[in-house]
PDB file of all heavy atoms in Angstrom:
ATOM      1  N   PRO A   1      -6.057   3.066  17.185  1.00  0.00           N
ATOM      2  CA  PRO A   1      -6.199   2.679  18.596  1.00  0.00           C
ATOM      3  C   PRO A   1      -7.295   1.645  18.791  1.00  0.00           C
ATOM      4  O   PRO A   1      -8.419   1.819  18.318  1.00  0.00           O
ATOM      5  CB  PRO A   1      -6.544   3.999  19.288  1.00  0.00           C
ATOM      6  CG  PRO A   1      -5.951   5.050  18.402  1.00  0.00           C
ATOM      7  CD  PRO A   1      -6.116   4.523  17.008  1.00  0.00           C
ATOM      8  N   GLY A   2      -6.961   0.559  19.477  1.00  0.00           N
ATOM      9  CA  GLY A   2      -7.919  -0.485  19.753  1.00  0.00           C
ATOM     10  C   GLY A   2      -8.266  -1.366  18.577  1.00  0.00           C
ATOM     11  O   GLY A   2      -9.160  -2.209  18.696  1.00  0.00           O
ATOM     12  N   GLU A   3      -7.585  -1.190  17.449  1.00  0.00           N
ATOM     13  CA  GLU A   3      -7.877  -1.956  16.245  1.00  0.00           C
ATOM     14  C   GLU A   3      -6.687  -2.822  15.859  1.00  0.00           C
ATOM     15  O   GLU A   3      -5.554  -2.574  16.257  1.00  0.00           O
ATOM     16  CB  GLU A   3      -8.235  -1.022  15.086  1.00  0.00           C
ATOM     17  CG  GLU A   3      -9.405  -0.096  15.352  1.00  0.00           C
ATOM     18  CD  GLU A   3     -10.722  -0.831  15.422  1.00  0.00           C
ATOM     19  OE1 GLU A   3     -10.833  -1.904  14.805  1.00  0.00           O
ATOM     20  OE2 GLU A   3     -11.644  -0.331  16.089  1.00  0.00           O
ATOM     21  N   GLN A   4      -6.962  -3.840  15.051  1.00  0.00           N
ATOM     22  CA  GLN A   4      -5.895  -4.676  14.538  1.00  0.00           C
ATOM     23  C   GLN A   4      -5.141  -3.953  13.429  1.00  0.00           C
ATOM     24  O   GLN A   4      -5.662  -3.021  12.810  1.00  0.00           O
ATOM     25  CB  GLN A   4      -6.450  -6.006  14.023  1.00  0.00           C
ATOM     26  CG  GLN A   4      -7.313  -5.882  12.781  1.00  0.00           C
ATOM     27  CD  GLN A   4      -7.854  -7.213  12.317  1.00  0.00           C
ATOM     28  OE1 GLN A   4      -8.585  -7.872  13.059  1.00  0.00           O
ATOM     29  NE2 GLN A   4      -7.492  -7.621  11.109  1.00  0.00           N
ATOM     30  N   ARG A   5      -3.920  -4.381  13.211  1.00  0.00           N
ATOM     31  CA  ARG A   5      -3.116  -3.815  12.145  1.00  0.00           C
ATOM     32  C   ARG A   5      -3.650  -4.273  10.791  1.00  0.00           C
ATOM     33  O   ARG A   5      -3.838  -5.470  10.564  1.00  0.00           O
ATOM     34  CB  ARG A   5      -1.659  -4.235  12.325  1.00  0.00           C
ATOM     35  CG  ARG A   5      -0.670  -3.467  11.495  1.00  0.00           C
ATOM     36  CD  ARG A   5       0.768  -3.805  11.901  1.00  0.00           C
ATOM     37  NE  ARG A   5       1.030  -3.450  13.288  1.00  0.00           N
ATOM     38  CZ  ARG A   5       2.213  -3.596  13.878  1.00  0.00           C
ATOM     39  NH1 ARG A   5       3.245  -4.092  13.197  1.00  0.00           N
ATOM     40  NH2 ARG A   5       2.356  -3.263  15.146  1.00  0.00           N
ATOM     41  N   LYS A   6      -3.885  -3.328   9.888  1.00  0.00           N
ATOM     42  CA  LYS A   6      -4.491  -3.619   8.604  1.00  0.00           C
ATOM     43  C   LYS A   6      -3.583  -3.188   7.460  1.00  0.00           C
ATOM     44  O   LYS A   6      -2.927  -2.147   7.534  1.00  0.00           O
ATOM     45  CB  LYS A   6      -5.844  -2.915   8.465  1.00  0.00           C
ATOM     46  CG  LYS A   6      -6.891  -3.374   9.470  1.00  0.00           C
ATOM     47  CD  LYS A   6      -8.196  -2.634   9.286  1.00  0.00           C
ATOM     48  CE  LYS A   6      -9.248  -3.101  10.270  1.00  0.00           C
ATOM     49  NZ  LYS A   6     -10.524  -2.361  10.105  1.00  0.00           N
ATOM     50  N   LEU A   7      -3.594  -3.972   6.403  1.00  0.00           N
ATOM     51  CA  LEU A   7      -2.801  -3.669   5.213  1.00  0.00           C
ATOM     52  C   LEU A   7      -3.396  -2.468   4.486  1.00  0.00           C
ATOM     53  O   LEU A   7      -4.590  -2.436   4.191  1.00  0.00           O
ATOM     54  CB  LEU A   7      -2.757  -4.878   4.289  1.00  0.00           C
ATOM     55  CG  LEU A   7      -1.979  -4.715   2.981  1.00  0.00           C
ATOM     56  CD1 LEU A   7      -0.505  -4.485   3.254  1.00  0.00           C
ATOM     57  CD2 LEU A   7      -2.166  -5.953   2.106  1.00  0.00           C
ATOM     58  N   VAL A   8      -2.549  -1.495   4.179  1.00  0.00           N
ATOM     59  CA  VAL A   8      -2.949  -0.303   3.448  1.00  0.00           C
ATOM     60  C   VAL A   8      -2.536  -0.382   1.987  1.00  0.00           C
ATOM     61  O   VAL A   8      -3.333  -0.108   1.087  1.00  0.00           O
ATOM     62  CB  VAL A   8      -2.368   0.966   4.096  1.00  0.00           C
ATOM     63  CG1 VAL A   8      -2.674   2.200   3.265  1.00  0.00           C
ATOM     64  CG2 VAL A   8      -2.905   1.129   5.513  1.00  0.00           C
ATOM     65  N   ALA A   9      -1.281  -0.741   1.733  1.00  0.00           N
ATOM     66  CA  ALA A   9      -0.771  -0.772   0.370  1.00  0.00           C
ATOM     67  C   ALA A   9       0.456  -1.657   0.300  1.00  0.00           C
ATOM     68  O   ALA A   9       1.197  -1.800   1.281  1.00  0.00           O
ATOM     69  CB  ALA A   9      -0.427   0.635  -0.127  1.00  0.00           C
ATOM     70  N   THR A  10       0.683  -2.254  -0.864  1.00  0.00           N
ATOM     71  CA  THR A  10       1.841  -3.092  -1.121  1.00  0.00           C
ATOM     72  C   THR A  10       2.431  -2.747  -2.475  1.00  0.00           C
ATOM     73  O   THR A  10       1.691  -2.503  -3.434  1.00  0.00           O
ATOM     74  CB  THR A  10       1.465  -4.587  -1.111  1.00  0.00           C
ATOM     75  OG1 THR A  10       1.001  -4.960   0.184  1.00  0.00           O
ATOM     76  CG2 THR A  10       2.665  -5.461  -1.483  1.00  0.00           C
ATOM     77  N   VAL A  11       3.745  -2.729  -2.553  1.00  0.00           N
ATOM     78  CA  VAL A  11       4.441  -2.707  -3.830  1.00  0.00           C
ATOM     79  C   VAL A  11       5.406  -3.887  -3.833  1.00  0.00           C
ATOM     80  O   VAL A  11       6.233  -4.027  -2.937  1.00  0.00           O
ATOM     81  CB  VAL A  11       5.155  -1.365  -4.103  1.00  0.00           C
ATOM     82  CG1 VAL A  11       6.142  -1.001  -2.994  1.00  0.00           C
ATOM     83  CG2 VAL A  11       5.843  -1.391  -5.460  1.00  0.00           C
ATOM     84  N   THR A  12       5.269  -4.765  -4.828  1.00  0.00           N
ATOM     85  CA  THR A  12       6.071  -5.977  -4.879  1.00  0.00           C
ATOM     86  C   THR A  12       7.473  -5.684  -5.369  1.00  0.00           C
ATOM     87  O   THR A  12       7.795  -4.573  -5.806  1.00  0.00           O
ATOM     88  CB  THR A  12       5.425  -7.021  -5.795  1.00  0.00           C
ATOM     89  OG1 THR A  12       5.508  -6.571  -7.152  1.00  0.00           O
ATOM     90  CG2 THR A  12       3.966  -7.247  -5.426  1.00  0.00           C
ATOM     91  N   ASN A  13       8.319  -6.726  -5.307  1.00  0.00           N
ATOM     92  CA  ASN A  13       9.673  -6.565  -5.818  1.00  0.00           C
ATOM     93  C   ASN A  13       9.686  -6.276  -7.315  1.00  0.00           C
ATOM     94  O   ASN A  13      10.653  -5.715  -7.828  1.00  0.00           O
ATOM     95  CB  ASN A  13      10.521  -7.800  -5.498  1.00  0.00           C
ATOM     96  CG  ASN A  13       9.976  -9.084  -6.116  1.00  0.00           C
ATOM     97  OD1 ASN A  13       8.893  -9.121  -6.693  1.00  0.00           O
ATOM     98  ND2 ASN A  13      10.745 -10.159  -5.976  1.00  0.00           N
ATOM     99  N   GLY A  14       8.612  -6.657  -8.010  1.00  0.00           N
ATOM    100  CA  GLY A  14       8.491  -6.374  -9.425  1.00  0.00           C
ATOM    101  C   GLY A  14       7.812  -5.056  -9.751  1.00  0.00           C
ATOM    102  O   GLY A  14       7.676  -4.716 -10.927  1.00  0.00           O
ATOM    103  N   GLY A  15       7.359  -4.334  -8.732  1.00  0.00           N
ATOM    104  CA  GLY A  15       6.777  -3.027  -8.945  1.00  0.00           C
ATOM    105  C   GLY A  15       5.266  -2.992  -9.019  1.00  0.00           C
ATOM    106  O   GLY A  15       4.687  -1.917  -9.220  1.00  0.00           O
ATOM    107  N   SER A  16       4.598  -4.133  -8.865  1.00  0.00           N
ATOM    108  CA  SER A  16       3.144  -4.147  -8.869  1.00  0.00           C
ATOM    109  C   SER A  16       2.615  -3.569  -7.568  1.00  0.00           C
ATOM    110  O   SER A  16       3.193  -3.778  -6.507  1.00  0.00           O
ATOM    111  CB  SER A  16       2.616  -5.566  -9.054  1.00  0.00           C
ATOM    112  OG  SER A  16       3.038  -6.107 -10.294  1.00  0.00           O
ATOM    113  N   THR A  17       1.494  -2.866  -7.641  1.00  0.00           N
ATOM    114  CA  THR A  17       0.914  -2.221  -6.469  1.00  0.00           C
ATOM    115  C   THR A  17      -0.480  -2.746  -6.187  1.00  0.00           C
ATOM    116  O   THR A  17      -1.203  -3.181  -7.087  1.00  0.00           O
ATOM    117  CB  THR A  17       0.859  -0.700  -6.635  1.00  0.00           C
ATOM    118  OG1 THR A  17       0.084  -0.369  -7.794  1.00  0.00           O
ATOM    119  CG2 THR A  17       2.254  -0.125  -6.789  1.00  0.00           C
ATOM    120  N   LYS A  18      -0.854  -2.684  -4.914  1.00  0.00           N
ATOM    121  CA  LYS A  18      -2.175  -3.077  -4.464  1.00  0.00           C
ATOM    122  C   LYS A  18      -2.549  -2.191  -3.292  1.00  0.00           C
ATOM    123  O   LYS A  18      -1.704  -1.866  -2.459  1.00  0.00           O
ATOM    124  CB  LYS A  18      -2.204  -4.551  -4.055  1.00  0.00           C
ATOM    125  CG  LYS A  18      -3.575  -5.063  -3.641  1.00  0.00           C
ATOM    126  CD  LYS A  18      -3.520  -6.543  -3.297  1.00  0.00           C
ATOM    127  CE  LYS A  18      -4.890  -7.067  -2.899  1.00  0.00           C
ATOM    128  NZ  LYS A  18      -4.849  -8.517  -2.551  1.00  0.00           N
ATOM    129  N   TYR A  19      -3.842  -1.805  -3.228  1.00  0.00           N
ATOM    130  CA  TYR A  19      -4.310  -0.887  -2.207  1.00  0.00           C
ATOM    131  C   TYR A  19      -5.562  -1.401  -1.539  1.00  0.00           C
ATOM    132  O   TYR A  19      -6.402  -2.063  -2.161  1.00  0.00           O
ATOM    133  CB  TYR A  19      -4.622   0.485  -2.818  1.00  0.00           C
ATOM    134  CG  TYR A  19      -3.448   1.157  -3.471  1.00  0.00           C
ATOM    135  CD1 TYR A  19      -3.190   0.982  -4.828  1.00  0.00           C
ATOM    136  CD2 TYR A  19      -2.591   1.963  -2.737  1.00  0.00           C
ATOM    137  CE1 TYR A  19      -2.106   1.598  -5.427  1.00  0.00           C
ATOM    138  CE2 TYR A  19      -1.509   2.581  -3.328  1.00  0.00           C
ATOM    139  CZ  TYR A  19      -1.270   2.390  -4.673  1.00  0.00           C
ATOM    140  OH  TYR A  19      -0.191   3.002  -5.263  1.00  0.00           O
ATOM    141  N   ALA A  20      -5.705  -1.072  -0.264  1.00  0.00           N
ATOM    142  CA  ALA A  20      -6.973  -1.284   0.408  1.00  0.00           C
ATOM    143  C   ALA A  20      -8.037  -0.407  -0.244  1.00  0.00           C
ATOM    144  O   ALA A  20      -7.753   0.703  -0.702  1.00  0.00           O
ATOM    145  CB  ALA A  20      -6.854  -0.950   1.891  1.00  0.00           C
ATOM    146  N   ASP A  21      -9.262  -0.918  -0.291  1.00  0.00           N
ATOM    147  CA  ASP A  21     -10.343  -0.166  -0.930  1.00  0.00           C
ATOM    148  C   ASP A  21     -10.508   1.221  -0.325  1.00  0.00           C
ATOM    149  O   ASP A  21     -10.847   2.177  -1.037  1.00  0.00           O
ATOM    150  CB  ASP A  21     -11.655  -0.937  -0.812  1.00  0.00           C
ATOM    151  CG  ASP A  21     -11.702  -2.163  -1.703  1.00  0.00           C
ATOM    152  OD1 ASP A  21     -10.891  -2.261  -2.639  1.00  0.00           O
ATOM    153  OD2 ASP A  21     -12.569  -3.022  -1.462  1.00  0.00           O
ATOM    154  N   SER A  22     -10.264   1.358   0.958  1.00  0.00           N
ATOM    155  CA  SER A  22     -10.497   2.615   1.641  1.00  0.00           C
ATOM    156  C   SER A  22      -9.549   3.732   1.214  1.00  0.00           C
ATOM    157  O   SER A  22      -9.829   4.903   1.469  1.00  0.00           O
ATOM    158  CB  SER A  22     -10.401   2.422   3.156  1.00  0.00           C
ATOM    159  OG  SER A  22      -9.114   1.954   3.524  1.00  0.00           O
ATOM    160  N   VAL A  23      -8.432   3.386   0.566  1.00  0.00           N
ATOM    161  CA  VAL A  23      -7.447   4.399   0.190  1.00  0.00           C
ATOM    162  C   VAL A  23      -7.243   4.507  -1.309  1.00  0.00           C
ATOM    163  O   VAL A  23      -6.475   5.369  -1.757  1.00  0.00           O
ATOM    164  CB  VAL A  23      -6.088   4.147   0.877  1.00  0.00           C
ATOM    165  CG1 VAL A  23      -6.268   4.015   2.384  1.00  0.00           C
ATOM    166  CG2 VAL A  23      -5.392   2.921   0.297  1.00  0.00           C
ATOM    167  N   LYS A  24      -7.911   3.680  -2.087  1.00  0.00           N
ATOM    168  CA  LYS A  24      -7.754   3.727  -3.538  1.00  0.00           C
ATOM    169  C   LYS A  24      -8.111   5.105  -4.080  1.00  0.00           C
ATOM    170  O   LYS A  24      -9.128   5.682  -3.715  1.00  0.00           O
ATOM    171  CB  LYS A  24      -8.621   2.660  -4.205  1.00  0.00           C
ATOM    172  CG  LYS A  24      -8.092   1.250  -4.065  1.00  0.00           C
ATOM    173  CD  LYS A  24      -8.998   0.245  -4.769  1.00  0.00           C
ATOM    174  CE  LYS A  24      -8.464  -1.165  -4.640  1.00  0.00           C
ATOM    175  NZ  LYS A  24      -9.373  -2.165  -5.243  1.00  0.00           N
ATOM    176  N   GLY A  25      -7.257   5.605  -4.950  1.00  0.00           N
ATOM    177  CA  GLY A  25      -7.459   6.912  -5.534  1.00  0.00           C
ATOM    178  C   GLY A  25      -6.917   8.053  -4.710  1.00  0.00           C
ATOM    179  O   GLY A  25      -6.858   9.187  -5.198  1.00  0.00           O
ATOM    180  N   ARG A  26      -6.526   7.787  -3.468  1.00  0.00           N
ATOM    181  CA  ARG A  26      -6.000   8.826  -2.583  1.00  0.00           C
ATOM    182  C   ARG A  26      -4.541   8.598  -2.209  1.00  0.00           C
ATOM    183  O   ARG A  26      -3.798   9.559  -2.042  1.00  0.00           O
ATOM    184  CB  ARG A  26      -6.833   8.917  -1.304  1.00  0.00           C
ATOM    185  CG  ARG A  26      -8.298   9.248  -1.544  1.00  0.00           C
ATOM    186  CD  ARG A  26      -9.022   9.528  -0.233  1.00  0.00           C
ATOM    187  NE  ARG A  26      -9.046   8.353   0.641  1.00  0.00           N
ATOM    188  CZ  ARG A  26      -8.521   8.318   1.860  1.00  0.00           C
ATOM    189  NH1 ARG A  26      -7.930   9.396   2.365  1.00  0.00           N
ATOM    190  NH2 ARG A  26      -8.596   7.210   2.583  1.00  0.00           N
ATOM    191  N   PHE A  27      -4.143   7.341  -2.049  1.00  0.00           N
ATOM    192  CA  PHE A  27      -2.787   6.999  -1.636  1.00  0.00           C
ATOM    193  C   PHE A  27      -2.020   6.390  -2.802  1.00  0.00           C
ATOM    194  O   PHE A  27      -2.604   5.703  -3.653  1.00  0.00           O
ATOM    195  CB  PHE A  27      -2.795   5.978  -0.494  1.00  0.00           C
ATOM    196  CG  PHE A  27      -3.290   6.497   0.832  1.00  0.00           C
ATOM    197  CD1 PHE A  27      -3.902   7.730   0.959  1.00  0.00           C
ATOM    198  CD2 PHE A  27      -3.133   5.713   1.967  1.00  0.00           C
ATOM    199  CE1 PHE A  27      -4.357   8.193   2.183  1.00  0.00           C
ATOM    200  CE2 PHE A  27      -3.581   6.166   3.200  1.00  0.00           C
ATOM    201  CZ  PHE A  27      -4.191   7.402   3.308  1.00  0.00           C
ATOM    202  N   THR A  28      -0.716   6.614  -2.816  1.00  0.00           N
ATOM    203  CA  THR A  28       0.160   6.021  -3.814  1.00  0.00           C
ATOM    204  C   THR A  28       1.402   5.466  -3.129  1.00  0.00           C
ATOM    205  O   THR A  28       2.099   6.198  -2.421  1.00  0.00           O
ATOM    206  CB  THR A  28       0.585   7.031  -4.885  1.00  0.00           C
ATOM    207  OG1 THR A  28      -0.571   7.583  -5.524  1.00  0.00           O
ATOM    208  CG2 THR A  28       1.454   6.350  -5.938  1.00  0.00           C
ATOM    209  N   ILE A  29       1.669   4.178  -3.336  1.00  0.00           N
ATOM    210  CA  ILE A  29       2.878   3.565  -2.814  1.00  0.00           C
ATOM    211  C   ILE A  29       3.908   3.473  -3.936  1.00  0.00           C
ATOM    212  O   ILE A  29       3.564   3.198  -5.084  1.00  0.00           O
ATOM    213  CB  ILE A  29       2.594   2.173  -2.203  1.00  0.00           C
ATOM    214  CG1 ILE A  29       3.830   1.633  -1.470  1.00  0.00           C
ATOM    215  CG2 ILE A  29       2.101   1.187  -3.255  1.00  0.00           C
ATOM    216  CD1 ILE A  29       3.550   0.382  -0.645  1.00  0.00           C
ATOM    217  N   SER A  30       5.158   3.723  -3.609  1.00  0.00           N
ATOM    218  CA  SER A  30       6.226   3.649  -4.591  1.00  0.00           C
ATOM    219  C   SER A  30       7.512   3.233  -3.902  1.00  0.00           C
ATOM    220  O   SER A  30       7.614   3.275  -2.672  1.00  0.00           O
ATOM    221  CB  SER A  30       6.409   4.991  -5.318  1.00  0.00           C
ATOM    222  OG  SER A  30       6.760   6.024  -4.406  1.00  0.00           O
ATOM    223  N   ARG A  31       8.493   2.828  -4.692  1.00  0.00           N
ATOM    224  CA  ARG A  31       9.772   2.421  -4.129  1.00  0.00           C
ATOM    225  C   ARG A  31      10.903   2.955  -4.974  1.00  0.00           C
ATOM    226  O   ARG A  31      10.780   3.101  -6.197  1.00  0.00           O
ATOM    227  CB  ARG A  31       9.859   0.886  -4.006  1.00  0.00           C
ATOM    228  CG  ARG A  31       9.847   0.139  -5.334  1.00  0.00           C
ATOM    229  CD  ARG A  31       9.627  -1.362  -5.117  1.00  0.00           C
ATOM    230  NE  ARG A  31      10.708  -1.966  -4.362  1.00  0.00           N
ATOM    231  CZ  ARG A  31      10.605  -3.114  -3.692  1.00  0.00           C
ATOM    232  NH1 ARG A  31       9.441  -3.768  -3.676  1.00  0.00           N
ATOM    233  NH2 ARG A  31      11.654  -3.598  -3.040  1.00  0.00           N
ATOM    234  N   ASP A  32      12.011   3.236  -4.317  1.00  0.00           N
ATOM    235  CA  ASP A  32      13.238   3.651  -4.971  1.00  0.00           C
ATOM    236  C   ASP A  32      14.301   2.639  -4.578  1.00  0.00           C
ATOM    237  O   ASP A  32      14.844   2.687  -3.474  1.00  0.00           O
ATOM    238  CB  ASP A  32      13.639   5.057  -4.547  1.00  0.00           C
ATOM    239  CG  ASP A  32      14.837   5.587  -5.312  1.00  0.00           C
ATOM    240  OD1 ASP A  32      15.608   4.784  -5.868  1.00  0.00           O
ATOM    241  OD2 ASP A  32      15.005   6.825  -5.366  1.00  0.00           O
ATOM    242  N   ASN A  33      14.572   1.702  -5.469  1.00  0.00           N
ATOM    243  CA  ASN A  33      15.496   0.621  -5.142  1.00  0.00           C
ATOM    244  C   ASN A  33      16.929   1.103  -4.971  1.00  0.00           C
ATOM    245  O   ASN A  33      17.718   0.469  -4.267  1.00  0.00           O
ATOM    246  CB  ASN A  33      15.436  -0.464  -6.215  1.00  0.00           C
ATOM    247  CG  ASN A  33      14.150  -1.263  -6.170  1.00  0.00           C
ATOM    248  OD1 ASN A  33      13.457  -1.291  -5.156  1.00  0.00           O
ATOM    249  ND2 ASN A  33      13.828  -1.928  -7.273  1.00  0.00           N
ATOM    250  N   THR A  34      17.292   2.201  -5.602  1.00  0.00           N
ATOM    251  CA  THR A  34      18.642   2.733  -5.443  1.00  0.00           C
ATOM    252  C   THR A  34      18.855   3.309  -4.056  1.00  0.00           C
ATOM    253  O   THR A  34      19.996   3.386  -3.586  1.00  0.00           O
ATOM    254  CB  THR A  34      18.951   3.803  -6.494  1.00  0.00           C
ATOM    255  OG1 THR A  34      18.127   4.957  -6.290  1.00  0.00           O
ATOM    256  CG2 THR A  34      18.719   3.262  -7.890  1.00  0.00           C
TER     257      THR A  34
END
């Protein structure tokens, strides 16, 4: 609330992942292409 939208995590089309520092070690992003 009252804040800008911020990136939390990304998984690329190749499967590489990236996380905001605030969630590293706690959050996991994954994808199921099927």
